[in-house]
Amino acid sequence: MITLQELKDSNRAWNGNGYYSTDKDWESNYQIVKNIEEKFFTHYNKSLMQPQKGDIIEFVNYNSLYPHAQVESVDKYGMMYVCENGRTWTDGKHFSTSGGAFTHIHSSKFEFVGYDERTFWTWGCYGSGAGQGIYFTVKVKKFRQKNMKIIPKHKIYFNSPHYMKERHSKVVIMQDFMYIFKEFYTIKVFKEWAGYVGLTYRKDDSGQYYANQFLKSAYFWKLEELPEGCKPVEDMCNGSKVRCFAHNDGKTLTIYRPNPNAKDVYIPMS
């Protein structure tokens, strides 16, 4: 459990601003911390075997990883109501988690992996208002989904009537459902690029193509920041074609683009 001084140190916005000028005010909120720890922190009991209210779980939902999801409730059948991301307000007796989304998943699909920190917060002595929150963490049990697996689902469109009409592109690789990762005006150029950077792809039963690697974009300021094995490529960044770098570790293909504010590496091509 955190100490009273650690609670003060982690909420320095209150110090020196006229807030919490008495020990009584700090003690009141520190009592909430102790109440929450007593309520939520319990050592792992093998007889339970499954997550309980207040625990942290790591799981995959719709092919997205949530490493710090919060269990809000578990019914008598073991079905959990889970917040994928968020923080929990409390007054020591009542709780309200926000930051969703929320979903349901059965507790039997998880196994105990250790302990993690769960963030709670409460209003300060002046009640609700901007910047008036007091934050603290409590150590709780953590469970991980069994046989957890994420499959790359970046779509690749060949000769799509929509993109051929709107963008004159023969091949479009999607970053996600909304943003384009890269596009090509001929299939030949795409295949040459894919072979160079090591991108492979597959076709499902419906005829839709998908990349076999996760696709990621990142900025760099200096060449020294780039990982070993990068290959120089031409790509767009901030409206200009510049020298970028591709790195493929077999699981993820990352295109490193120069930060537009880094003039030593962000050099538009004529």
Protein backbone atom coordinates (compact mmCIF):
# COMPACT_ATOMS: atom_id res chain seq x y z
CA MET A 1 0.00 0.00 0.00
CA ILE A 2 1.20 3.51 -0.76
CA THR A 3 2.01 5.75 2.17
CA LEU A 4 0.32 9.04 2.94
CA GLN A 5 3.44 10.90 1.80
CA GLU A 6 3.49 8.98 -1.49
CA LEU A 7 -0.14 9.97 -2.06
CA LYS A 8 0.82 13.62 -1.57
CA ASP A 9 3.89 13.31 -3.80
CA SER A 10 1.91 11.73 -6.65
CA ASN A 11 -0.64 14.55 -6.56
CA ARG A 12 1.67 17.53 -6.48
CA ALA A 13 -0.82 19.75 -8.30
CA TRP A 14 -2.47 20.17 -4.93
CA ASN A 15 0.68 21.20 -3.10
CA GLY A 16 1.26 24.90 -2.63
CA ASN A 17 -2.04 25.94 -4.21
CA GLY A 18 -4.08 26.31 -1.05
CA TYR A 19 -5.53 22.82 -1.47
CA TYR A 20 -5.37 20.29 1.32
CA SER A 21 -3.96 22.75 3.81
CA THR A 22 -4.78 20.49 6.77
CA ASP A 23 -3.71 16.97 7.65
CA LYS A 24 -7.38 16.11 8.18
CA ASP A 25 -8.12 16.64 4.48
CA TRP A 26 -5.26 14.38 3.41
CA GLU A 27 -6.17 11.73 5.97
CA SER A 28 -9.75 11.66 4.68
CA ASN A 29 -8.65 10.75 1.15
CA TYR A 30 -5.92 8.42 2.39
CA GLN A 31 -8.65 6.49 4.19
CA ILE A 32 -10.34 5.98 0.81
CA VAL A 33 -7.09 4.51 -0.52
CA LYS A 34 -6.93 2.07 2.40
CA ASN A 35 -10.59 1.12 1.95
CA ILE A 36 -10.08 0.40 -1.75
CA GLU A 37 -6.94 -1.66 -1.16
CA GLU A 38 -8.71 -3.71 1.47
CA LYS A 39 -11.67 -4.27 -0.86
CA PHE A 40 -9.79 -5.02 -4.09
CA PHE A 41 -6.40 -6.45 -3.22
CA THR A 42 -6.59 -10.14 -2.35
CA HIS A 43 -3.87 -12.71 -2.83
CA TYR A 44 -4.46 -15.24 -5.58
CA ASN A 45 -6.51 -18.18 -4.41
CA LYS A 46 -6.20 -21.28 -6.59
CA SER A 47 -9.68 -22.37 -5.54
CA LEU A 48 -11.12 -19.32 -7.34
CA MET A 49 -9.16 -19.93 -10.57
CA GLN A 50 -10.99 -17.10 -12.35
CA PRO A 51 -10.94 -13.28 -12.32
CA GLN A 52 -13.08 -11.41 -9.79
CA LYS A 53 -14.50 -7.90 -9.68
CA GLY A 54 -11.69 -5.38 -9.45
CA ASP A 55 -9.05 -7.53 -11.20
CA ILE A 56 -7.09 -6.63 -14.33
CA ILE A 57 -7.26 -8.79 -17.47
CA GLU A 58 -5.27 -8.84 -20.71
CA PHE A 59 -7.24 -9.99 -23.73
CA VAL A 60 -7.93 -9.60 -27.43
CA ASN A 61 -11.24 -8.26 -28.71
CA TYR A 62 -11.97 -7.77 -32.41
CA ASN A 63 -8.27 -8.32 -33.14
CA SER A 64 -7.17 -5.51 -30.79
CA LEU A 65 -5.06 -6.11 -27.68
CA TYR A 66 -6.19 -4.67 -24.33
CA PRO A 67 -3.36 -5.26 -21.81
CA HIS A 68 -4.95 -3.43 -18.88
CA ALA A 69 -8.71 -4.02 -19.06
CA GLN A 70 -10.70 -3.76 -15.84
CA VAL A 71 -13.24 -6.26 -14.55
CA GLU A 72 -16.33 -4.33 -13.38
CA SER A 73 -18.53 -7.27 -12.42
CA VAL A 74 -18.83 -11.05 -12.70
CA ASP A 75 -22.25 -12.73 -12.67
CA LYS A 76 -23.04 -16.11 -11.12
CA TYR A 77 -22.34 -17.84 -14.44
CA GLY A 78 -18.82 -16.39 -14.69
CA MET A 79 -19.63 -13.81 -17.37
CA MET A 80 -17.53 -10.68 -16.85
CA TYR A 81 -18.45 -7.08 -17.67
CA VAL A 82 -15.16 -5.47 -18.69
CA CYS A 83 -13.91 -1.95 -19.43
CA GLU A 84 -11.23 -2.21 -22.14
CA ASN A 85 -9.57 1.05 -21.09
CA GLY A 86 -10.35 3.48 -18.32
CA ARG A 87 -9.99 4.73 -14.78
CA THR A 88 -12.32 4.30 -11.87
CA TRP A 89 -13.76 7.05 -9.69
CA THR A 90 -14.57 6.10 -6.11
CA ASP A 91 -15.57 7.62 -2.82
CA GLY A 92 -14.55 4.48 -0.98
CA LYS A 93 -17.99 2.90 -1.24
CA HIS A 94 -19.25 3.56 -4.76
CA PHE A 95 -17.48 3.11 -8.11
CA SER A 96 -17.84 4.47 -11.62
CA THR A 97 -15.48 3.50 -14.45
CA SER A 98 -15.24 5.54 -17.65
CA GLY A 99 -13.02 5.49 -20.71
CA GLY A 100 -14.61 2.34 -22.31
CA ALA A 101 -15.53 0.67 -24.50
CA PHE A 102 -17.22 -2.04 -22.44
CA THR A 103 -17.74 -5.67 -23.38
CA HIS A 104 -18.60 -9.11 -21.97
CA ILE A 105 -16.30 -12.13 -21.87
CA HIS A 106 -16.36 -15.34 -19.83
CA SER A 107 -13.92 -15.66 -16.94
CA SER A 108 -13.11 -19.33 -17.70
CA LYS A 109 -11.00 -18.18 -20.67
CA PHE A 110 -8.34 -16.62 -18.41
CA GLU A 111 -5.38 -17.74 -16.32
CA PHE A 112 -3.60 -16.00 -13.44
CA VAL A 113 -0.27 -14.36 -14.39
CA GLY A 114 0.59 -12.12 -11.43
CA TYR A 115 -0.27 -8.67 -10.13
CA ASP A 116 -0.70 -5.25 -11.71
CA GLU A 117 -1.56 -1.67 -10.72
CA ARG A 118 -5.11 -0.43 -11.19
CA THR A 119 -5.73 3.32 -11.18
CA PHE A 120 -8.48 4.90 -9.08
CA TRP A 121 -9.31 8.51 -8.41
CA THR A 122 -11.54 10.58 -6.16
CA TRP A 123 -12.59 14.20 -5.98
CA GLY A 124 -10.58 16.40 -3.69
CA CYS A 125 -12.01 18.24 -0.70
CA TYR A 126 -13.43 20.98 -2.95
CA GLY A 127 -15.69 18.59 -4.83
CA SER A 128 -15.95 18.11 -8.58
CA GLY A 129 -14.10 20.45 -10.91
CA ALA A 130 -11.32 20.65 -13.48
CA GLY A 131 -8.00 19.51 -12.02
CA GLN A 132 -9.62 18.54 -8.71
CA GLY A 133 -8.98 14.79 -8.91
CA ILE A 134 -6.78 12.82 -6.52
CA TYR A 135 -5.22 9.75 -8.21
CA PHE A 136 -3.79 6.59 -6.70
CA THR A 137 -3.06 3.00 -7.68
CA VAL A 138 -3.88 -0.27 -5.96
CA LYS A 139 -2.18 -3.59 -6.66
CA VAL A 140 -4.69 -6.17 -7.93
CA LYS A 141 -4.58 -9.63 -9.50
CA LYS A 142 -3.95 -9.90 -13.24
CA PHE A 143 -5.23 -12.60 -15.59
CA ARG A 144 -4.36 -13.23 -19.25
CA GLN A 145 -6.57 -14.74 -21.92
CA LYS A 146 -5.59 -18.31 -22.75
CA ASN A 147 -4.25 -18.96 -26.26
CA MET A 148 -4.38 -15.23 -26.98
CA LYS A 149 -3.57 -14.45 -30.60
CA ILE A 150 -3.79 -11.42 -32.86
CA ILE A 151 -3.90 -11.91 -36.62
CA PRO A 152 -2.89 -9.10 -39.02
CA LYS A 153 -6.05 -7.84 -40.73
CA HIS A 154 -4.74 -5.02 -42.93
CA LYS A 155 -6.72 -5.20 -46.17
CA ILE A 156 -5.13 -4.98 -49.61
CA TYR A 157 -7.31 -3.96 -52.55
CA PHE A 158 -6.36 -4.91 -56.10
CA ASN A 159 -8.09 -3.11 -58.98
CA SER A 160 -10.81 -1.77 -56.69
CA PRO A 161 -13.31 0.25 -58.78
CA HIS A 162 -13.64 2.74 -55.94
CA TYR A 163 -9.92 3.48 -55.52
CA MET A 164 -9.24 3.32 -59.26
CA LYS A 165 -11.89 5.98 -59.80
CA GLU A 166 -11.18 8.17 -56.77
CA ARG A 167 -7.38 7.83 -56.55
CA HIS A 168 -6.33 6.17 -59.83
CA SER A 169 -4.62 3.46 -57.74
CA LYS A 170 -4.40 -0.17 -58.82
CA VAL A 171 -3.27 -1.38 -55.37
CA VAL A 172 -4.23 0.13 -51.99
CA ILE A 173 -2.95 -1.16 -48.64
CA MET A 174 -5.05 -0.09 -45.67
CA GLN A 175 -3.56 0.86 -42.30
CA ASP A 176 -6.95 0.22 -40.71
CA PHE A 177 -10.58 0.52 -41.78
CA MET A 178 -10.13 4.24 -42.52
CA TYR A 179 -6.52 5.19 -43.33
CA ILE A 180 -4.33 4.16 -46.27
CA PHE A 181 -0.87 2.74 -45.47
CA LYS A 182 0.42 2.85 -49.05
CA GLU A 183 -0.91 2.83 -52.61
CA PHE A 184 0.47 1.99 -56.04
CA TYR A 185 -0.51 2.94 -59.55
CA THR A 186 0.56 -0.40 -61.07
CA ILE A 187 0.52 -3.95 -59.73
CA LYS A 188 4.07 -4.46 -61.02
CA VAL A 189 5.44 -1.65 -58.84
CA PHE A 190 3.54 -3.02 -55.83
CA LYS A 191 5.04 -6.49 -56.27
CA GLU A 192 8.54 -5.07 -56.63
CA TRP A 193 8.07 -2.98 -53.47
CA ALA A 194 6.54 -5.91 -51.53
CA GLY A 195 9.46 -8.15 -52.46
CA TYR A 196 11.97 -5.47 -51.44
CA VAL A 197 10.48 -4.76 -47.98
CA GLY A 198 9.43 -8.39 -47.34
CA LEU A 199 5.65 -7.86 -47.30
CA THR A 200 3.66 -11.06 -47.88
CA TYR A 201 -0.10 -11.38 -48.16
CA ARG A 202 -2.92 -13.90 -48.28
CA LYS A 203 -6.43 -14.23 -49.75
CA ASP A 204 -9.40 -15.46 -47.73
CA ASP A 205 -12.38 -17.48 -48.96
CA SER A 206 -14.25 -14.32 -49.96
CA GLY A 207 -11.41 -13.17 -52.22
CA GLN A 208 -10.24 -10.38 -49.89
CA TYR A 209 -6.47 -9.96 -49.60
CA TYR A 210 -4.73 -9.27 -46.26
CA ALA A 211 -1.15 -8.45 -45.28
CA ASN A 212 0.60 -11.18 -43.30
CA GLN A 213 2.49 -8.62 -41.24
CA PHE A 214 1.24 -5.89 -38.95
CA LEU A 215 1.68 -2.49 -40.57
CA LYS A 216 3.01 0.44 -38.59
CA SER A 217 4.21 4.00 -39.26
CA ALA A 218 6.64 5.88 -37.02
CA TYR A 219 8.66 9.10 -37.06
CA PHE A 220 12.38 9.50 -36.45
CA TRP A 221 14.56 12.54 -35.74
CA LYS A 222 18.01 11.09 -36.39
CA LEU A 223 19.34 8.19 -38.43
CA GLU A 224 20.92 6.81 -35.25
CA GLU A 225 17.42 6.11 -33.90
CA LEU A 226 16.62 3.59 -36.64
CA PRO A 227 16.85 -0.15 -35.86
CA GLU A 228 19.36 -2.34 -37.65
CA GLY A 229 18.24 -3.86 -40.91
CA CYS A 230 16.29 -0.86 -42.24
CA LYS A 231 16.02 -0.43 -45.99
CA PRO A 232 15.73 3.02 -47.63
CA VAL A 233 12.43 3.64 -49.44
CA GLU A 234 10.74 6.64 -50.99
CA ASP A 235 7.44 7.57 -49.38
CA MET A 236 5.21 10.51 -48.57
CA CYS A 237 5.47 12.54 -45.39
CA ASN A 238 3.75 15.85 -44.64
CA GLY A 239 2.79 16.26 -48.30
CA SER A 240 6.25 15.68 -49.76
CA LYS A 241 8.14 12.66 -51.06
CA VAL A 242 11.12 12.00 -48.80
CA ARG A 243 13.60 9.26 -48.00
CA CYS A 244 12.04 6.90 -45.48
CA PHE A 245 13.12 3.53 -44.12
CA ALA A 246 11.35 0.17 -44.01
CA HIS A 247 11.98 -2.40 -41.28
CA ASN A 248 10.45 -5.89 -41.31
CA ASP A 249 11.08 -8.27 -38.40
CA GLY A 250 8.79 -10.94 -39.83
CA LYS A 251 5.83 -9.91 -37.70
CA THR A 252 5.63 -6.14 -38.23
CA LEU A 253 6.48 -3.98 -41.23
CA THR A 254 7.30 -0.46 -40.04
CA ILE A 255 7.81 2.56 -42.28
CA TYR A 256 9.96 5.13 -40.49
CA ARG A 257 9.32 8.64 -41.77
CA PRO A 258 11.48 11.68 -40.94
CA ASN A 259 9.88 14.14 -38.56
CA PRO A 260 9.05 17.28 -40.60
CA ASN A 261 10.76 19.37 -37.92
CA ALA A 262 14.01 17.42 -38.21
CA LYS A 263 15.64 19.35 -41.05
CA ASP A 264 18.71 17.11 -41.21
CA VAL A 265 16.62 14.11 -42.28
CA TYR A 266 13.42 15.66 -43.65
CA ILE A 267 14.59 16.61 -47.15
CA PRO A 268 11.82 16.75 -49.81
CA MET A 269 12.77 15.23 -53.15
CA SER A 270 12.47 17.39 -56.21
